């Protein structure tokens, strides 16, 4: 590659990570390079809703855990999608471990079919454990938070 240098490729990879992009393509002259991140999960859900930026509130189906290691009230995912801890990239997280939450507080967002869905906590107490990483794909029923 004469026109696209290794330094340029490294810079693109760095920018791709900083901006949380999954793919980036660069064309320079007659050369073209595409960088792609490995996707850990591919959803087999069929998307029929074409709404792009609607938001709606979803009340979680919550449960108490019987697991010895995780005691307390569990906030579970009400739907499958991508878990986000903040309303937008670069903004503060809704909750941190150690924060106090009240019944009705938004604790995260799950993006499903291009719609951002608020996840509402049904418990009041202290967030003792966040069980999911930001940007991770979750399935309906997955445990998200432990509240005591």
N, C-alpha and C. Protein backbone atom coordinates (compact mmCIF):
# COMPACT_ATOMS: atom_id res chain seq x y z
N UNK A 1 0.84 -1.19 0.00
CA UNK A 1 0.00 0.00 0.00
C UNK A 1 0.88 1.24 0.00
N UNK A 2 0.85 1.97 -1.07
CA UNK A 2 1.66 3.17 -1.15
C UNK A 2 0.97 4.37 -0.52
N UNK A 3 -0.29 4.55 -0.79
CA UNK A 3 -0.99 5.75 -0.33
C UNK A 3 -1.51 5.64 1.09
N UNK A 4 -1.95 4.45 1.49
CA UNK A 4 -2.50 4.27 2.84
C UNK A 4 -1.40 3.68 3.72
N UNK A 5 -0.90 4.48 4.63
CA UNK A 5 0.22 4.06 5.47
C UNK A 5 -0.26 3.29 6.69
N UNK A 6 0.66 2.58 7.31
CA UNK A 6 0.38 1.86 8.54
C UNK A 6 -0.05 2.83 9.64
N UNK A 7 0.57 4.00 9.68
CA UNK A 7 0.22 5.02 10.68
C UNK A 7 -1.24 5.46 10.51
N UNK A 8 -1.67 5.63 9.27
CA UNK A 8 -3.04 6.02 8.99
C UNK A 8 -4.02 4.93 9.42
N UNK A 9 -3.67 3.68 9.16
CA UNK A 9 -4.51 2.55 9.57
C UNK A 9 -4.62 2.50 11.09
N UNK A 10 -3.49 2.68 11.79
CA UNK A 10 -3.50 2.68 13.26
C UNK A 10 -4.35 3.83 13.80
N UNK A 11 -4.26 5.00 13.17
CA UNK A 11 -5.05 6.15 13.60
C UNK A 11 -6.55 5.87 13.40
N UNK A 12 -6.91 5.25 12.27
CA UNK A 12 -8.30 4.89 12.02
C UNK A 12 -8.81 3.90 13.06
N UNK A 13 -8.00 2.92 13.40
CA UNK A 13 -8.40 1.93 14.41
C UNK A 13 -8.62 2.60 15.76
N UNK A 14 -7.74 3.55 16.11
CA UNK A 14 -7.88 4.27 17.38
C UNK A 14 -9.17 5.10 17.37
N UNK A 15 -9.43 5.83 16.30
CA UNK A 15 -10.65 6.65 16.19
C UNK A 15 -11.90 5.76 16.21
N UNK A 16 -11.80 4.60 15.60
CA UNK A 16 -12.91 3.66 15.57
C UNK A 16 -13.28 3.24 17.00
N UNK A 17 -12.27 2.96 17.82
CA UNK A 17 -12.51 2.59 19.21
C UNK A 17 -13.03 3.76 20.02
N UNK A 18 -12.46 4.95 19.83
CA UNK A 18 -12.89 6.14 20.58
C UNK A 18 -14.34 6.47 20.30
N UNK A 19 -14.76 6.32 19.07
CA UNK A 19 -16.13 6.69 18.66
C UNK A 19 -17.10 5.53 18.73
N UNK A 20 -16.62 4.37 19.20
CA UNK A 20 -17.44 3.16 19.34
C UNK A 20 -18.09 2.75 18.02
N UNK A 21 -17.29 2.78 16.95
CA UNK A 21 -17.76 2.37 15.63
C UNK A 21 -17.47 0.89 15.43
N UNK A 22 -18.29 0.20 14.66
CA UNK A 22 -18.07 -1.21 14.36
C UNK A 22 -17.34 -1.41 13.04
N UNK A 23 -17.40 -0.40 12.16
CA UNK A 23 -16.78 -0.53 10.85
C UNK A 23 -16.42 0.86 10.32
N UNK A 24 -15.30 0.92 9.60
CA UNK A 24 -14.89 2.17 8.97
C UNK A 24 -14.18 1.83 7.66
N UNK A 25 -14.44 2.61 6.61
CA UNK A 25 -13.84 2.39 5.30
C UNK A 25 -13.14 3.67 4.85
N UNK A 26 -11.95 3.51 4.27
CA UNK A 26 -11.20 4.65 3.75
C UNK A 26 -10.80 4.33 2.31
N UNK A 27 -11.07 5.28 1.42
CA UNK A 27 -10.63 5.17 0.03
C UNK A 27 -9.67 6.31 -0.24
N UNK A 28 -8.52 5.97 -0.80
CA UNK A 28 -7.51 6.97 -1.12
C UNK A 28 -6.92 6.56 -2.47
N UNK A 29 -7.24 7.35 -3.48
CA UNK A 29 -6.79 6.99 -4.82
C UNK A 29 -7.49 5.72 -5.27
N UNK A 30 -6.69 4.75 -5.74
CA UNK A 30 -7.28 3.49 -6.17
C UNK A 30 -7.24 2.43 -5.07
N UNK A 31 -6.88 2.84 -3.84
CA UNK A 31 -6.82 1.92 -2.72
C UNK A 31 -8.03 2.11 -1.80
N UNK A 32 -8.45 1.01 -1.23
CA UNK A 32 -9.59 1.04 -0.32
C UNK A 32 -9.31 0.07 0.82
N UNK A 33 -9.58 0.51 2.06
CA UNK A 33 -9.39 -0.36 3.21
C UNK A 33 -10.62 -0.25 4.11
N UNK A 34 -11.05 -1.39 4.62
CA UNK A 34 -12.19 -1.44 5.54
C UNK A 34 -11.73 -2.13 6.81
N UNK A 35 -11.95 -1.47 7.95
CA UNK A 35 -11.66 -2.06 9.26
C UNK A 35 -12.99 -2.42 9.90
N UNK A 36 -13.08 -3.64 10.45
CA UNK A 36 -14.31 -4.09 11.10
C UNK A 36 -13.97 -4.67 12.47
N UNK A 37 -14.84 -4.38 13.45
CA UNK A 37 -14.73 -5.00 14.77
C UNK A 37 -15.48 -6.32 14.72
N UNK A 38 -14.99 -7.28 15.48
CA UNK A 38 -15.70 -8.54 15.58
C UNK A 38 -16.97 -8.32 16.39
N UNK A 39 -18.09 -8.77 15.89
CA UNK A 39 -19.36 -8.66 16.60
C UNK A 39 -19.54 -9.95 17.39
N UNK A 40 -19.76 -9.80 18.71
CA UNK A 40 -19.84 -10.96 19.59
C UNK A 40 -21.17 -11.69 19.48
N UNK A 41 -22.22 -11.01 19.04
CA UNK A 41 -23.55 -11.61 19.03
C UNK A 41 -24.34 -11.06 17.84
N UNK A 42 -25.01 -11.94 17.16
CA UNK A 42 -25.86 -11.52 16.06
C UNK A 42 -27.29 -11.91 16.42
N UNK A 43 -28.16 -10.94 16.46
CA UNK A 43 -29.57 -11.19 16.80
C UNK A 43 -30.29 -11.79 15.61
N UNK A 44 -31.16 -12.74 15.89
CA UNK A 44 -31.96 -13.35 14.83
C UNK A 44 -33.37 -12.80 14.82
N UNK A 45 -33.60 -11.71 15.56
CA UNK A 45 -34.93 -11.11 15.59
C UNK A 45 -35.21 -10.42 14.25
N UNK A 46 -36.43 -10.51 13.80
CA UNK A 46 -36.84 -9.85 12.57
C UNK A 46 -37.34 -8.46 12.94
N UNK A 47 -36.79 -7.45 12.30
CA UNK A 47 -37.18 -6.07 12.58
C UNK A 47 -38.30 -5.68 11.62
N UNK A 48 -39.45 -5.35 12.19
CA UNK A 48 -40.56 -4.93 11.35
C UNK A 48 -40.96 -3.49 11.63
N UNK A 49 -40.51 -2.93 12.75
CA UNK A 49 -40.84 -1.56 13.13
C UNK A 49 -39.79 -0.64 12.52
N UNK A 50 -40.19 0.36 11.78
CA UNK A 50 -39.23 1.24 11.12
C UNK A 50 -39.04 2.55 11.85
N UNK A 51 -39.53 2.66 13.06
CA UNK A 51 -39.36 3.87 13.86
C UNK A 51 -37.90 4.02 14.24
N UNK A 52 -37.36 5.22 14.13
CA UNK A 52 -35.94 5.41 14.36
C UNK A 52 -35.61 6.02 15.71
N UNK A 53 -36.29 7.06 16.13
CA UNK A 53 -35.84 7.75 17.33
C UNK A 53 -36.91 7.90 18.40
N UNK A 54 -37.92 7.07 18.38
CA UNK A 54 -38.93 7.13 19.43
C UNK A 54 -38.35 6.59 20.72
N UNK A 55 -38.81 7.14 21.84
CA UNK A 55 -38.43 6.60 23.13
C UNK A 55 -39.69 6.19 23.85
N UNK A 56 -39.59 5.12 24.62
CA UNK A 56 -40.72 4.73 25.45
C UNK A 56 -40.19 4.17 26.75
N UNK A 57 -41.01 4.24 27.78
CA UNK A 57 -40.62 3.72 29.09
C UNK A 57 -41.12 2.30 29.20
N UNK A 58 -40.26 1.44 29.74
CA UNK A 58 -40.61 0.04 29.93
C UNK A 58 -40.41 -0.27 31.40
N UNK A 59 -41.42 -0.82 32.02
CA UNK A 59 -41.27 -1.24 33.41
C UNK A 59 -40.68 -2.63 33.40
N UNK A 60 -39.68 -2.84 34.24
CA UNK A 60 -39.02 -4.13 34.25
C UNK A 60 -39.86 -5.16 34.95
N UNK A 61 -39.71 -6.37 34.49
CA UNK A 61 -40.24 -7.50 35.23
C UNK A 61 -39.11 -7.86 36.19
N UNK A 62 -39.28 -7.60 37.46
CA UNK A 62 -38.21 -7.79 38.43
C UNK A 62 -38.48 -9.03 39.26
N UNK A 63 -37.42 -9.54 39.85
CA UNK A 63 -37.58 -10.73 40.67
C UNK A 63 -36.61 -10.71 41.83
N UNK A 64 -36.90 -11.53 42.82
CA UNK A 64 -35.96 -11.72 43.91
C UNK A 64 -35.13 -12.93 43.54
N UNK A 65 -33.86 -12.89 43.85
CA UNK A 65 -32.99 -14.00 43.50
C UNK A 65 -32.89 -14.99 44.65
N UNK A 66 -32.68 -16.24 44.29
CA UNK A 66 -32.45 -17.25 45.30
C UNK A 66 -30.99 -17.68 45.27
N UNK A 67 -30.22 -17.07 44.40
CA UNK A 67 -28.80 -17.37 44.27
C UNK A 67 -28.07 -16.93 45.53
N UNK A 68 -27.28 -17.82 46.09
CA UNK A 68 -26.54 -17.53 47.32
C UNK A 68 -25.57 -16.36 47.15
N UNK A 69 -24.93 -16.25 45.99
CA UNK A 69 -23.91 -15.23 45.77
C UNK A 69 -24.52 -13.85 45.52
N UNK A 70 -25.71 -13.79 44.97
CA UNK A 70 -26.33 -12.53 44.61
C UNK A 70 -27.60 -12.35 45.43
N UNK A 71 -27.47 -11.72 46.59
CA UNK A 71 -28.63 -11.52 47.45
C UNK A 71 -29.20 -10.14 47.21
N UNK A 72 -30.52 -10.03 47.25
CA UNK A 72 -31.17 -8.75 47.05
C UNK A 72 -32.20 -8.84 45.95
N UNK A 73 -32.73 -7.71 45.58
CA UNK A 73 -33.70 -7.63 44.49
C UNK A 73 -32.96 -7.49 43.17
N UNK A 74 -33.43 -8.19 42.17
CA UNK A 74 -32.76 -8.19 40.87
C UNK A 74 -33.62 -7.43 39.87
N UNK A 75 -33.00 -6.49 39.17
CA UNK A 75 -33.65 -5.83 38.04
C UNK A 75 -33.27 -6.65 36.82
N UNK A 76 -34.27 -7.11 36.08
CA UNK A 76 -33.99 -7.94 34.91
C UNK A 76 -34.39 -7.21 33.63
N UNK A 77 -33.79 -7.65 32.53
CA UNK A 77 -34.06 -7.04 31.22
C UNK A 77 -35.49 -7.37 30.78
N UNK A 78 -36.28 -6.35 30.46
CA UNK A 78 -37.65 -6.59 30.01
C UNK A 78 -37.73 -6.99 28.54
N UNK A 79 -36.60 -6.89 27.83
CA UNK A 79 -36.57 -7.19 26.40
C UNK A 79 -35.13 -7.47 25.99
N UNK A 80 -34.95 -8.00 24.82
CA UNK A 80 -33.62 -8.20 24.26
C UNK A 80 -33.17 -6.92 23.58
N UNK A 81 -31.87 -6.65 23.62
CA UNK A 81 -31.33 -5.47 22.96
C UNK A 81 -29.96 -5.13 23.49
N UNK A 82 -29.51 -3.91 23.23
CA UNK A 82 -28.19 -3.44 23.67
C UNK A 82 -28.36 -2.61 24.94
N UNK A 83 -27.61 -2.99 25.98
CA UNK A 83 -27.67 -2.35 27.29
C UNK A 83 -26.77 -1.12 27.31
N UNK A 84 -27.32 0.02 27.73
CA UNK A 84 -26.54 1.25 27.87
C UNK A 84 -26.74 1.82 29.26
N UNK A 85 -25.64 2.21 29.91
CA UNK A 85 -25.70 2.75 31.27
C UNK A 85 -25.97 4.25 31.30
N UNK A 86 -25.87 4.95 30.16
CA UNK A 86 -26.09 6.40 30.14
C UNK A 86 -27.03 6.75 28.99
N UNK A 87 -27.64 7.95 29.05
CA UNK A 87 -28.58 8.34 28.01
C UNK A 87 -27.94 8.58 26.64
N UNK A 88 -26.64 8.90 26.63
CA UNK A 88 -25.92 9.13 25.38
C UNK A 88 -24.43 8.93 25.65
N UNK A 89 -23.65 8.61 24.62
CA UNK A 89 -22.21 8.46 24.81
C UNK A 89 -21.60 9.71 25.43
N UNK A 90 -20.74 9.53 26.42
CA UNK A 90 -20.06 10.65 27.07
C UNK A 90 -20.85 11.28 28.20
N UNK A 91 -22.10 10.91 28.38
CA UNK A 91 -22.91 11.46 29.47
C UNK A 91 -22.78 10.57 30.70
N UNK A 92 -23.06 11.13 31.89
CA UNK A 92 -22.95 10.34 33.13
C UNK A 92 -23.90 9.14 33.11
N UNK A 93 -23.47 8.08 33.78
CA UNK A 93 -24.30 6.88 33.90
C UNK A 93 -25.53 7.18 34.74
N UNK A 94 -26.61 6.47 34.45
CA UNK A 94 -27.83 6.63 35.26
C UNK A 94 -27.54 6.28 36.72
N UNK A 95 -26.87 5.14 36.94
CA UNK A 95 -26.53 4.71 38.30
C UNK A 95 -25.13 4.10 38.32
N UNK A 96 -24.51 4.17 39.49
CA UNK A 96 -23.21 3.54 39.75
C UNK A 96 -23.41 2.57 40.90
N UNK A 97 -22.50 1.62 41.06
CA UNK A 97 -22.55 0.77 42.24
C UNK A 97 -22.40 1.67 43.46
N UNK A 98 -23.24 1.45 44.46
CA UNK A 98 -23.22 2.26 45.67
C UNK A 98 -24.27 3.36 45.68
N UNK A 99 -24.85 3.69 44.53
CA UNK A 99 -25.89 4.72 44.45
C UNK A 99 -27.19 4.23 45.08
N UNK A 100 -27.95 5.16 45.62
CA UNK A 100 -29.29 4.87 46.12
C UNK A 100 -30.28 5.11 44.97
N UNK A 101 -31.22 4.18 44.80
CA UNK A 101 -32.26 4.34 43.78
C UNK A 101 -33.63 4.23 44.44
N UNK A 102 -34.62 4.80 43.78
CA UNK A 102 -36.00 4.74 44.26
C UNK A 102 -36.86 4.03 43.23
N UNK A 103 -37.95 3.46 43.71
CA UNK A 103 -38.92 2.85 42.82
C UNK A 103 -39.33 3.89 41.78
N UNK A 104 -39.21 3.56 40.50
CA UNK A 104 -39.56 4.48 39.43
C UNK A 104 -38.38 5.16 38.76
N UNK A 105 -37.17 5.01 39.32
CA UNK A 105 -35.98 5.62 38.72
C UNK A 105 -35.56 4.86 37.45
N UNK A 106 -35.07 5.60 36.46
CA UNK A 106 -34.48 4.98 35.27
C UNK A 106 -33.08 4.53 35.65
N UNK A 107 -32.76 3.26 35.41
CA UNK A 107 -31.44 2.73 35.77
C UNK A 107 -30.56 2.44 34.56
N UNK A 108 -31.17 2.33 33.37
CA UNK A 108 -30.40 2.09 32.15
C UNK A 108 -31.34 2.23 30.96
N UNK A 109 -30.78 2.04 29.78
CA UNK A 109 -31.55 2.04 28.54
C UNK A 109 -31.24 0.74 27.81
N UNK A 110 -32.25 0.17 27.19
CA UNK A 110 -32.03 -0.96 26.29
C UNK A 110 -32.50 -0.52 24.90
N UNK A 111 -31.56 -0.58 23.96
CA UNK A 111 -31.90 -0.24 22.57
C UNK A 111 -32.37 -1.50 21.87
N UNK A 112 -33.58 -1.44 21.35
CA UNK A 112 -34.14 -2.57 20.61
C UNK A 112 -34.84 -2.02 19.37
N UNK A 113 -34.49 -2.53 18.23
CA UNK A 113 -35.09 -2.11 16.96
C UNK A 113 -35.00 -0.60 16.77
N UNK A 114 -33.84 -0.03 17.04
CA UNK A 114 -33.56 1.40 16.86
C UNK A 114 -34.37 2.29 17.81
N UNK A 115 -34.97 1.70 18.83
CA UNK A 115 -35.73 2.47 19.82
C UNK A 115 -35.01 2.39 21.16
N UNK A 116 -34.87 3.55 21.82
CA UNK A 116 -34.26 3.60 23.14
C UNK A 116 -35.36 3.44 24.18
N UNK A 117 -35.24 2.40 25.00
CA UNK A 117 -36.27 2.08 25.99
C UNK A 117 -35.71 2.24 27.40
N UNK A 118 -36.29 3.13 28.19
CA UNK A 118 -35.88 3.31 29.58
C UNK A 118 -36.24 2.06 30.37
N UNK A 119 -35.31 1.62 31.22
CA UNK A 119 -35.59 0.52 32.13
C UNK A 119 -35.81 1.14 33.50
N UNK A 120 -36.98 0.92 34.06
CA UNK A 120 -37.40 1.53 35.32
C UNK A 120 -37.23 0.53 36.46
N UNK A 121 -36.59 0.98 37.54
CA UNK A 121 -36.38 0.14 38.72
C UNK A 121 -37.68 0.06 39.52
N UNK A 122 -38.04 -1.14 39.96
CA UNK A 122 -39.25 -1.32 40.78
C UNK A 122 -38.92 -1.38 42.26
N UNK A 123 -37.66 -1.14 42.62
CA UNK A 123 -37.24 -1.24 44.01
C UNK A 123 -36.59 0.05 44.47
N UNK A 124 -36.62 0.28 45.77
CA UNK A 124 -35.84 1.35 46.39
C UNK A 124 -34.72 0.68 47.17
N UNK A 125 -33.54 1.25 47.12
CA UNK A 125 -32.41 0.68 47.85
C UNK A 125 -31.10 1.10 47.23
N UNK A 126 -30.06 0.35 47.55
CA UNK A 126 -28.70 0.64 47.11
C UNK A 126 -28.32 -0.31 45.97
N UNK A 127 -27.72 0.24 44.92
CA UNK A 127 -27.21 -0.58 43.82
C UNK A 127 -25.93 -1.23 44.32
N UNK A 128 -25.98 -2.55 44.56
CA UNK A 128 -24.80 -3.23 45.09
C UNK A 128 -23.97 -3.88 43.99
N UNK A 129 -24.59 -4.16 42.84
CA UNK A 129 -23.83 -4.80 41.76
C UNK A 129 -24.49 -4.50 40.42
N UNK A 130 -23.66 -4.13 39.45
CA UNK A 130 -24.11 -3.99 38.06
C UNK A 130 -23.57 -5.21 37.34
N UNK A 131 -24.46 -6.01 36.79
CA UNK A 131 -24.10 -7.32 36.27
C UNK A 131 -23.80 -7.35 34.77
N UNK A 132 -23.97 -6.21 34.09
CA UNK A 132 -23.82 -6.16 32.63
C UNK A 132 -22.88 -5.01 32.27
N UNK A 133 -22.07 -5.19 31.26
CA UNK A 133 -21.17 -4.15 30.78
C UNK A 133 -21.89 -3.24 29.79
N UNK A 134 -21.51 -1.98 29.77
CA UNK A 134 -22.08 -1.01 28.83
C UNK A 134 -21.87 -1.48 27.39
N UNK A 135 -22.93 -1.43 26.59
CA UNK A 135 -22.83 -1.83 25.18
C UNK A 135 -23.03 -3.31 24.94
N UNK A 136 -23.23 -4.08 26.00
CA UNK A 136 -23.39 -5.52 25.88
C UNK A 136 -24.81 -5.86 25.41
N UNK A 137 -24.91 -6.93 24.62
CA UNK A 137 -26.22 -7.42 24.18
C UNK A 137 -26.82 -8.22 25.33
N UNK A 138 -28.09 -7.92 25.66
CA UNK A 138 -28.79 -8.66 26.71
C UNK A 138 -30.03 -9.32 26.11
N UNK A 139 -30.45 -10.38 26.75
CA UNK A 139 -31.67 -11.08 26.36
C UNK A 139 -32.76 -10.80 27.38
N UNK A 140 -33.99 -10.89 26.97
CA UNK A 140 -35.12 -10.71 27.89
C UNK A 140 -34.94 -11.69 29.05
N UNK A 141 -35.02 -11.16 30.28
CA UNK A 141 -34.87 -11.99 31.47
C UNK A 141 -33.47 -12.00 32.06
N UNK A 142 -32.48 -11.44 31.35
CA UNK A 142 -31.12 -11.37 31.89
C UNK A 142 -31.09 -10.47 33.12
N UNK A 143 -30.26 -10.83 34.10
CA UNK A 143 -30.10 -10.02 35.30
C UNK A 143 -29.22 -8.82 34.98
N UNK A 144 -29.67 -7.61 35.38
CA UNK A 144 -28.94 -6.38 35.09
C UNK A 144 -28.31 -5.77 36.33
N UNK A 145 -29.09 -5.65 37.42
CA UNK A 145 -28.64 -4.97 38.64
C UNK A 145 -29.09 -5.76 39.86
N UNK A 146 -28.31 -5.63 40.95
CA UNK A 146 -28.72 -6.13 42.26
C UNK A 146 -28.97 -4.92 43.14
N UNK A 147 -30.17 -4.84 43.73
CA UNK A 147 -30.57 -3.72 44.59
C UNK A 147 -30.85 -4.28 45.98
N UNK A 148 -30.24 -3.69 47.01
CA UNK A 148 -30.51 -4.10 48.40
C UNK A 148 -31.12 -2.96 49.17
